[in-house]
Amino acid sequence: MSLLKPTAQTPFHIDFDWWKQNERDWHVFLRSLLCPEHQDAFVEIEEGSMIDWIDPQTAEVKAVDGVQHALMTHCALLPEFTDARTAMVEAIFRIFLVNGNTPMSTEEISKRLGKPAETILRTIAGPRVYRGLRPYQPEVMAAVQEELL
C-alpha cells in the first residue's frame, strides 16, 4: 500500500481480499445482512456464487457475489438496513455494498451519511482497518496481482 496519507478526496472501497485474509467468516457476515426473505433463498446456494450485474450508470457488466447482489438490489432498500442507530463504520460498509463497492471519497460518503467528511476520514483512514474499508489504489492492486502471476 502507498505511504501517502489519505485525504477527503481519496477514494475508498471494501477490500474483499483483506476480508478473505483476516476474517474467515466474511461470507457468513454478508449473509447475516440479508433480509429474512433472502436468507431463506440463499440457504441452498453455495458460498461465493457469482452472477452478472449491470451497472445502471455505465452499463458495464460485472461479476458480483450473489449475496452482494441481493443486498444491493433488495435488502439495502429496506428501511431497517440502515437507520440513525447504525454505527458509522457499519453504515459506511453498507453504503459500499449498496453501490456495488464502487470507490467513493469520504466527501461522497459524507453526503450520503450526513456526517462530516473529516470524521469519516479519521475513522476509516487510521492504522486499524475496519470491515475491510481501505483506500482504493488500483495501481498497487495491479502490482500485487502481477507479482502473484
N, C-alpha and C. Protein backbone atom coordinates (compact mmCIF):
# COMPACT_ATOMS: atom_id res chain seq x y z
N MET A 1 0.84 -1.18 0.00
CA MET A 1 0.00 0.00 0.00
C MET A 1 0.89 1.24 0.00
N SER A 2 0.33 2.31 -0.51
CA SER A 2 1.03 3.57 -0.58
C SER A 2 1.22 4.16 0.81
N LEU A 3 2.28 4.93 0.97
CA LEU A 3 2.53 5.59 2.24
C LEU A 3 1.92 6.98 2.28
N LEU A 4 1.23 7.39 1.22
CA LEU A 4 0.58 8.69 1.21
C LEU A 4 -0.61 8.68 2.15
N LYS A 5 -0.75 9.78 2.89
CA LYS A 5 -1.86 9.89 3.83
C LYS A 5 -3.14 10.20 3.05
N PRO A 6 -4.20 9.42 3.26
CA PRO A 6 -5.46 9.68 2.55
C PRO A 6 -6.05 11.04 2.93
N THR A 7 -6.74 11.63 1.97
CA THR A 7 -7.43 12.90 2.18
C THR A 7 -8.93 12.67 1.98
N ALA A 8 -9.71 13.74 2.12
CA ALA A 8 -11.16 13.64 1.92
C ALA A 8 -11.51 13.31 0.47
N GLN A 9 -10.56 13.48 -0.46
CA GLN A 9 -10.80 13.16 -1.86
C GLN A 9 -10.31 11.76 -2.24
N THR A 10 -9.60 11.10 -1.35
CA THR A 10 -9.09 9.75 -1.62
C THR A 10 -10.24 8.77 -1.73
N PRO A 11 -10.31 8.00 -2.81
CA PRO A 11 -11.39 7.00 -2.90
C PRO A 11 -11.11 5.81 -1.98
N PHE A 12 -12.16 5.30 -1.37
CA PHE A 12 -12.10 4.12 -0.52
C PHE A 12 -13.00 3.06 -1.13
N HIS A 13 -12.86 1.83 -0.65
CA HIS A 13 -13.71 0.72 -1.08
C HIS A 13 -13.60 -0.37 -0.03
N ILE A 14 -14.40 -1.42 -0.18
CA ILE A 14 -14.25 -2.60 0.67
C ILE A 14 -13.21 -3.49 -0.01
N ASP A 15 -12.15 -3.76 0.68
CA ASP A 15 -11.10 -4.64 0.16
C ASP A 15 -11.46 -6.07 0.56
N PHE A 16 -12.11 -6.78 -0.35
CA PHE A 16 -12.54 -8.14 -0.04
C PHE A 16 -11.36 -9.10 0.11
N ASP A 17 -10.21 -8.76 -0.45
CA ASP A 17 -9.02 -9.58 -0.20
C ASP A 17 -8.62 -9.48 1.27
N TRP A 18 -8.75 -8.29 1.84
CA TRP A 18 -8.49 -8.12 3.27
C TRP A 18 -9.43 -9.03 4.07
N TRP A 19 -10.71 -9.03 3.69
CA TRP A 19 -11.69 -9.87 4.38
C TRP A 19 -11.28 -11.33 4.30
N LYS A 20 -10.89 -11.78 3.13
CA LYS A 20 -10.55 -13.19 2.95
C LYS A 20 -9.32 -13.57 3.76
N GLN A 21 -8.40 -12.63 3.94
CA GLN A 21 -7.17 -12.91 4.69
C GLN A 21 -7.37 -12.78 6.20
N ASN A 22 -8.30 -11.92 6.62
CA ASN A 22 -8.42 -11.61 8.05
C ASN A 22 -9.70 -12.11 8.71
N GLU A 23 -10.70 -12.39 7.94
CA GLU A 23 -11.97 -12.82 8.50
C GLU A 23 -12.44 -14.07 7.77
N ARG A 24 -12.30 -15.19 8.41
CA ARG A 24 -12.67 -16.45 7.76
C ARG A 24 -14.16 -16.51 7.45
N ASP A 25 -14.95 -15.84 8.23
CA ASP A 25 -16.40 -15.92 8.08
C ASP A 25 -16.99 -14.71 7.35
N TRP A 26 -16.24 -14.13 6.42
CA TRP A 26 -16.71 -12.92 5.74
C TRP A 26 -18.01 -13.17 4.98
N HIS A 27 -18.13 -14.33 4.38
CA HIS A 27 -19.34 -14.61 3.61
C HIS A 27 -20.53 -14.84 4.54
N VAL A 28 -20.27 -15.44 5.68
CA VAL A 28 -21.32 -15.62 6.69
C VAL A 28 -21.80 -14.25 7.17
N PHE A 29 -20.85 -13.33 7.35
CA PHE A 29 -21.21 -11.97 7.77
C PHE A 29 -22.11 -11.32 6.73
N LEU A 30 -21.75 -11.42 5.45
CA LEU A 30 -22.58 -10.83 4.40
C LEU A 30 -23.97 -11.43 4.42
N ARG A 31 -24.05 -12.73 4.58
CA ARG A 31 -25.37 -13.39 4.62
C ARG A 31 -26.20 -12.89 5.79
N SER A 32 -25.54 -12.53 6.89
CA SER A 32 -26.29 -12.05 8.07
C SER A 32 -26.96 -10.71 7.81
N LEU A 33 -26.50 -9.99 6.79
CA LEU A 33 -27.10 -8.70 6.44
C LEU A 33 -28.34 -8.83 5.57
N LEU A 34 -28.57 -10.03 5.03
CA LEU A 34 -29.72 -10.25 4.16
C LEU A 34 -31.03 -10.15 4.95
N CYS A 35 -32.07 -9.72 4.28
CA CYS A 35 -33.41 -9.72 4.87
C CYS A 35 -33.84 -11.18 5.05
N PRO A 36 -34.83 -11.45 5.89
CA PRO A 36 -35.27 -12.84 6.11
C PRO A 36 -35.64 -13.58 4.82
N GLU A 37 -36.27 -12.87 3.88
CA GLU A 37 -36.65 -13.49 2.61
C GLU A 37 -35.43 -14.03 1.86
N HIS A 38 -34.36 -13.23 1.80
CA HIS A 38 -33.17 -13.65 1.07
C HIS A 38 -32.31 -14.61 1.89
N GLN A 39 -32.37 -14.54 3.19
CA GLN A 39 -31.67 -15.55 3.99
C GLN A 39 -32.23 -16.93 3.66
N ASP A 40 -33.56 -17.03 3.55
CA ASP A 40 -34.19 -18.29 3.17
C ASP A 40 -33.81 -18.70 1.75
N ALA A 41 -33.79 -17.72 0.83
CA ALA A 41 -33.50 -18.01 -0.58
C ALA A 41 -32.07 -18.51 -0.78
N PHE A 42 -31.13 -18.08 0.08
CA PHE A 42 -29.73 -18.44 -0.10
C PHE A 42 -29.29 -19.63 0.74
N VAL A 43 -30.22 -20.28 1.41
CA VAL A 43 -29.87 -21.42 2.25
C VAL A 43 -29.16 -22.50 1.44
N GLU A 44 -29.64 -22.79 0.25
CA GLU A 44 -29.10 -23.88 -0.57
C GLU A 44 -28.04 -23.41 -1.57
N ILE A 45 -27.78 -22.11 -1.64
CA ILE A 45 -26.82 -21.58 -2.60
C ILE A 45 -25.41 -21.67 -2.03
N GLU A 46 -24.49 -22.12 -2.86
CA GLU A 46 -23.09 -22.27 -2.45
C GLU A 46 -22.45 -20.91 -2.21
N GLU A 47 -21.62 -20.83 -1.19
CA GLU A 47 -20.92 -19.58 -0.88
C GLU A 47 -20.10 -19.13 -2.08
N GLY A 48 -20.11 -17.83 -2.33
CA GLY A 48 -19.30 -17.27 -3.40
C GLY A 48 -19.88 -17.43 -4.79
N SER A 49 -21.12 -17.85 -4.90
CA SER A 49 -21.74 -17.98 -6.23
C SER A 49 -21.81 -16.61 -6.88
N MET A 50 -21.28 -16.52 -8.09
CA MET A 50 -21.22 -15.25 -8.81
C MET A 50 -22.35 -15.15 -9.83
N ILE A 51 -22.84 -13.91 -10.01
CA ILE A 51 -23.85 -13.64 -11.02
C ILE A 51 -23.41 -12.38 -11.78
N ASP A 52 -23.97 -12.18 -12.96
CA ASP A 52 -23.69 -10.97 -13.73
C ASP A 52 -24.58 -9.84 -13.24
N TRP A 53 -24.00 -8.67 -13.06
CA TRP A 53 -24.72 -7.49 -12.62
C TRP A 53 -24.39 -6.36 -13.59
N ILE A 54 -25.39 -5.61 -14.01
CA ILE A 54 -25.18 -4.50 -14.95
C ILE A 54 -25.22 -3.20 -14.15
N ASP A 55 -24.11 -2.47 -14.20
CA ASP A 55 -24.02 -1.18 -13.52
C ASP A 55 -25.01 -0.24 -14.20
N PRO A 56 -25.98 0.30 -13.44
CA PRO A 56 -27.01 1.13 -14.06
C PRO A 56 -26.49 2.45 -14.62
N GLN A 57 -25.33 2.90 -14.16
CA GLN A 57 -24.79 4.17 -14.65
C GLN A 57 -23.90 4.00 -15.88
N THR A 58 -23.12 2.90 -15.91
CA THR A 58 -22.18 2.72 -17.01
C THR A 58 -22.56 1.61 -17.97
N ALA A 59 -23.54 0.80 -17.61
CA ALA A 59 -23.98 -0.37 -18.38
C ALA A 59 -22.89 -1.43 -18.48
N GLU A 60 -21.86 -1.31 -17.66
CA GLU A 60 -20.79 -2.31 -17.62
C GLU A 60 -21.29 -3.54 -16.88
N VAL A 61 -21.01 -4.70 -17.44
CA VAL A 61 -21.39 -5.96 -16.81
C VAL A 61 -20.25 -6.38 -15.89
N LYS A 62 -20.61 -6.64 -14.63
CA LYS A 62 -19.62 -7.06 -13.64
C LYS A 62 -20.09 -8.36 -13.00
N ALA A 63 -19.14 -9.23 -12.70
CA ALA A 63 -19.46 -10.43 -11.94
C ALA A 63 -19.48 -10.04 -10.47
N VAL A 64 -20.60 -10.26 -9.81
CA VAL A 64 -20.72 -9.94 -8.39
C VAL A 64 -21.19 -11.16 -7.62
N ASP A 65 -20.90 -11.17 -6.38
CA ASP A 65 -21.35 -12.23 -5.49
C ASP A 65 -22.87 -12.19 -5.42
N GLY A 66 -23.52 -13.33 -5.48
CA GLY A 66 -24.98 -13.39 -5.45
C GLY A 66 -25.57 -12.78 -4.19
N VAL A 67 -24.91 -12.99 -3.05
CA VAL A 67 -25.38 -12.39 -1.80
C VAL A 67 -25.27 -10.88 -1.88
N GLN A 68 -24.14 -10.40 -2.39
CA GLN A 68 -23.96 -8.95 -2.53
C GLN A 68 -25.03 -8.38 -3.44
N HIS A 69 -25.35 -9.08 -4.51
CA HIS A 69 -26.38 -8.60 -5.43
C HIS A 69 -27.73 -8.48 -4.73
N ALA A 70 -28.09 -9.47 -3.95
CA ALA A 70 -29.36 -9.41 -3.22
C ALA A 70 -29.36 -8.24 -2.25
N LEU A 71 -28.21 -8.01 -1.61
CA LEU A 71 -28.10 -6.86 -0.70
C LEU A 71 -28.29 -5.55 -1.47
N MET A 72 -27.65 -5.45 -2.65
CA MET A 72 -27.68 -4.20 -3.42
C MET A 72 -29.06 -3.92 -3.99
N THR A 73 -29.75 -4.93 -4.44
CA THR A 73 -30.98 -4.71 -5.20
C THR A 73 -32.26 -4.81 -4.39
N HIS A 74 -32.17 -5.37 -3.20
CA HIS A 74 -33.40 -5.53 -2.42
C HIS A 74 -33.21 -5.16 -0.95
N CYS A 75 -32.40 -5.91 -0.27
CA CYS A 75 -32.29 -5.77 1.19
C CYS A 75 -31.87 -4.37 1.62
N ALA A 76 -30.96 -3.77 0.87
CA ALA A 76 -30.47 -2.43 1.22
C ALA A 76 -31.55 -1.37 1.06
N LEU A 77 -32.58 -1.67 0.31
CA LEU A 77 -33.65 -0.69 0.09
C LEU A 77 -34.66 -0.69 1.23
N LEU A 78 -34.57 -1.67 2.10
CA LEU A 78 -35.49 -1.76 3.22
C LEU A 78 -35.11 -0.73 4.29
N PRO A 79 -36.08 -0.10 4.92
CA PRO A 79 -35.78 0.95 5.90
C PRO A 79 -34.88 0.49 7.04
N GLU A 80 -34.99 -0.76 7.43
CA GLU A 80 -34.19 -1.24 8.57
C GLU A 80 -32.74 -1.56 8.22
N PHE A 81 -32.37 -1.51 6.93
CA PHE A 81 -30.99 -1.82 6.53
C PHE A 81 -30.00 -0.83 7.15
N THR A 82 -30.32 0.44 7.09
CA THR A 82 -29.50 1.47 7.71
C THR A 82 -30.44 2.50 8.30
N ASP A 83 -30.23 2.80 9.55
CA ASP A 83 -31.03 3.85 10.17
C ASP A 83 -30.13 4.68 11.08
N ALA A 84 -30.71 5.61 11.81
CA ALA A 84 -29.93 6.53 12.66
C ALA A 84 -29.15 5.79 13.74
N ARG A 85 -29.56 4.58 14.08
CA ARG A 85 -28.87 3.82 15.14
C ARG A 85 -27.72 2.97 14.59
N THR A 86 -27.57 2.89 13.28
CA THR A 86 -26.50 2.10 12.68
C THR A 86 -25.16 2.78 12.96
N ALA A 87 -24.21 2.03 13.49
CA ALA A 87 -22.88 2.57 13.77
C ALA A 87 -22.26 3.09 12.48
N MET A 88 -21.42 4.13 12.59
CA MET A 88 -20.87 4.78 11.40
C MET A 88 -20.10 3.82 10.51
N VAL A 89 -19.19 3.01 11.06
CA VAL A 89 -18.41 2.08 10.23
C VAL A 89 -19.34 1.10 9.52
N GLU A 90 -20.33 0.62 10.24
CA GLU A 90 -21.30 -0.31 9.64
C GLU A 90 -22.08 0.37 8.52
N ALA A 91 -22.49 1.62 8.74
CA ALA A 91 -23.24 2.36 7.72
C ALA A 91 -22.37 2.59 6.48
N ILE A 92 -21.11 2.91 6.67
CA ILE A 92 -20.19 3.11 5.54
C ILE A 92 -20.04 1.80 4.77
N PHE A 93 -19.83 0.72 5.48
CA PHE A 93 -19.70 -0.59 4.85
C PHE A 93 -20.94 -0.91 4.02
N ARG A 94 -22.10 -0.64 4.57
CA ARG A 94 -23.35 -0.92 3.87
C ARG A 94 -23.53 -0.03 2.65
N ILE A 95 -23.06 1.21 2.72
CA ILE A 95 -23.12 2.10 1.56
C ILE A 95 -22.33 1.50 0.40
N PHE A 96 -21.15 0.96 0.70
CA PHE A 96 -20.35 0.34 -0.36
C PHE A 96 -21.03 -0.92 -0.92
N LEU A 97 -21.67 -1.68 -0.07
CA LEU A 97 -22.41 -2.84 -0.57
C LEU A 97 -23.52 -2.41 -1.52
N VAL A 98 -24.23 -1.37 -1.11
CA VAL A 98 -25.36 -0.89 -1.91
C VAL A 98 -24.90 -0.38 -3.27
N ASN A 99 -23.74 0.29 -3.32
CA ASN A 99 -23.32 0.87 -4.59
C ASN A 99 -22.40 -0.05 -5.40
N GLY A 100 -22.40 -1.33 -5.06
CA GLY A 100 -21.59 -2.27 -5.84
C GLY A 100 -20.11 -2.16 -5.56
N ASN A 101 -19.76 -1.60 -4.42
CA ASN A 101 -18.37 -1.40 -4.00
C ASN A 101 -17.61 -0.47 -4.94
N THR A 102 -18.33 0.45 -5.55
CA THR A 102 -17.70 1.48 -6.37
C THR A 102 -16.93 2.41 -5.44
N PRO A 103 -15.65 2.67 -5.72
CA PRO A 103 -14.87 3.55 -4.84
C PRO A 103 -15.54 4.91 -4.65
N MET A 104 -15.48 5.40 -3.42
CA MET A 104 -16.05 6.69 -3.06
C MET A 104 -15.11 7.40 -2.10
N SER A 105 -15.06 8.73 -2.21
CA SER A 105 -14.27 9.53 -1.27
C SER A 105 -15.08 9.74 0.00
N THR A 106 -14.41 10.18 1.05
CA THR A 106 -15.14 10.46 2.28
C THR A 106 -16.08 11.65 2.10
N GLU A 107 -15.78 12.53 1.16
CA GLU A 107 -16.72 13.63 0.85
C GLU A 107 -18.02 13.07 0.28
N GLU A 108 -17.91 12.09 -0.62
CA GLU A 108 -19.11 11.47 -1.19
C GLU A 108 -19.88 10.67 -0.14
N ILE A 109 -19.14 9.96 0.70
CA ILE A 109 -19.78 9.19 1.77
C ILE A 109 -20.49 10.15 2.73
N SER A 110 -19.87 11.27 3.01
CA SER A 110 -20.44 12.28 3.91
C SER A 110 -21.81 12.74 3.43
N LYS A 111 -21.94 12.95 2.14
CA LYS A 111 -23.22 13.40 1.58
C LYS A 111 -24.32 12.35 1.79
N ARG A 112 -23.96 11.09 1.74
CA ARG A 112 -24.95 10.03 1.91
C ARG A 112 -25.28 9.76 3.37
N LEU A 113 -24.28 9.95 4.24
CA LEU A 113 -24.47 9.65 5.66
C LEU A 113 -24.95 10.85 6.48
N GLY A 114 -24.63 12.05 5.99
CA GLY A 114 -24.95 13.23 6.79
C GLY A 114 -24.00 13.42 7.95
N LYS A 115 -22.79 12.89 7.83
CA LYS A 115 -21.74 13.04 8.85
C LYS A 115 -20.58 13.79 8.21
N PRO A 116 -19.79 14.52 9.01
CA PRO A 116 -18.66 15.27 8.44
C PRO A 116 -17.62 14.37 7.77
N ALA A 117 -17.14 14.79 6.60
CA ALA A 117 -16.16 14.02 5.85
C ALA A 117 -14.89 13.79 6.67
N GLU A 118 -14.48 14.77 7.44
CA GLU A 118 -13.25 14.63 8.24
C GLU A 118 -13.42 13.57 9.33
N THR A 119 -14.59 13.47 9.91
CA THR A 119 -14.86 12.45 10.92
C THR A 119 -14.79 11.06 10.28
N ILE A 120 -15.39 10.95 9.12
CA ILE A 120 -15.36 9.68 8.38
C ILE A 120 -13.92 9.33 8.03
N LEU A 121 -13.17 10.31 7.54
CA LEU A 121 -11.77 10.09 7.15
C LEU A 121 -10.94 9.62 8.34
N ARG A 122 -11.08 10.29 9.49
CA ARG A 122 -10.32 9.89 10.68
C ARG A 122 -10.66 8.46 11.10
N THR A 123 -11.89 8.08 10.88
CA THR A 123 -12.34 6.75 11.28
C THR A 123 -11.79 5.65 10.37
N ILE A 124 -11.89 5.84 9.06
CA ILE A 124 -11.52 4.75 8.14
C ILE A 124 -10.12 4.85 7.56
N ALA A 125 -9.41 5.95 7.83
CA ALA A 125 -8.06 6.09 7.27
C ALA A 125 -6.98 5.87 8.32
N GLY A 126 -7.38 5.47 9.50
CA GLY A 126 -6.41 5.24 10.57
C GLY A 126 -5.66 3.93 10.36
N PRO A 127 -4.79 3.61 11.31
CA PRO A 127 -3.97 2.40 11.17
C PRO A 127 -4.78 1.10 11.27
N ARG A 128 -5.90 1.14 11.95
CA ARG A 128 -6.74 -0.05 12.07
C ARG A 128 -7.71 -0.12 10.89
N VAL A 129 -7.86 -1.30 10.32
CA VAL A 129 -8.78 -1.50 9.20
C VAL A 129 -10.10 -2.01 9.76
N TYR A 130 -11.16 -1.27 9.50
CA TYR A 130 -12.50 -1.66 9.92
C TYR A 130 -13.26 -2.21 8.72
N ARG A 131 -13.80 -3.42 8.86
CA ARG A 131 -14.65 -4.03 7.85
C ARG A 131 -14.02 -4.04 6.45
N GLY A 132 -12.70 -4.01 6.38
CA GLY A 132 -12.02 -4.03 5.09
C GLY A 132 -12.07 -2.71 4.34
N LEU A 133 -12.50 -1.64 5.00
CA LEU A 133 -12.58 -0.32 4.35
C LEU A 133 -11.17 0.24 4.22
N ARG A 134 -10.71 0.34 2.98
CA ARG A 134 -9.35 0.80 2.72
C ARG A 134 -9.32 1.73 1.52
N PRO A 135 -8.25 2.52 1.41
CA PRO A 135 -8.11 3.36 0.21
C PRO A 135 -8.05 2.48 -1.03
N TYR A 136 -8.69 2.97 -2.09
CA TYR A 136 -8.70 2.26 -3.36
C TYR A 136 -7.49 2.71 -4.15
N GLN A 137 -6.59 1.77 -4.39
CA GLN A 137 -5.35 2.06 -5.11
C GLN A 137 -5.15 1.01 -6.19
N PRO A 138 -5.78 1.21 -7.34
CA PRO A 138 -5.72 0.18 -8.38
C PRO A 138 -4.30 -0.11 -8.85
N GLU A 139 -3.41 0.88 -8.85
CA GLU A 139 -2.04 0.64 -9.31
C GLU A 139 -1.31 -0.29 -8.35
N VAL A 140 -1.57 -0.16 -7.05
CA VAL A 140 -0.94 -1.05 -6.07
C VAL A 140 -1.53 -2.45 -6.21
N MET A 141 -2.85 -2.53 -6.39
CA MET A 141 -3.51 -3.82 -6.53
C MET A 141 -3.01 -4.54 -7.79
N ALA A 142 -2.82 -3.81 -8.89
CA ALA A 142 -2.33 -4.41 -10.13
C ALA A 142 -0.91 -4.94 -9.95
N ALA A 143 -0.08 -4.19 -9.23
CA ALA A 143 1.30 -4.62 -9.00
C ALA A 143 1.33 -5.89 -8.16
N VAL A 144 0.49 -5.98 -7.15
CA VAL A 144 0.44 -7.19 -6.31
C VAL A 144 -0.04 -8.38 -7.13
N GLN A 145 -1.07 -8.18 -7.96
CA GLN A 145 -1.57 -9.27 -8.79
C GLN A 145 -0.51 -9.74 -9.77
N GLU A 146 0.27 -8.78 -10.33
CA GLU A 146 1.31 -9.13 -11.28
C GLU A 146 2.40 -9.97 -10.61
N GLU A 147 2.75 -9.62 -9.36
CA GLU A 147 3.75 -10.39 -8.61
C GLU A 147 3.27 -11.80 -8.37
N LEU A 148 1.98 -11.99 -8.16
CA LEU A 148 1.44 -13.31 -7.87
C LEU A 148 1.47 -14.21 -9.11
N LEU A 149 1.46 -13.61 -10.29
CA LEU A 149 1.48 -14.40 -11.53
C LEU A 149 2.87 -14.82 -11.79
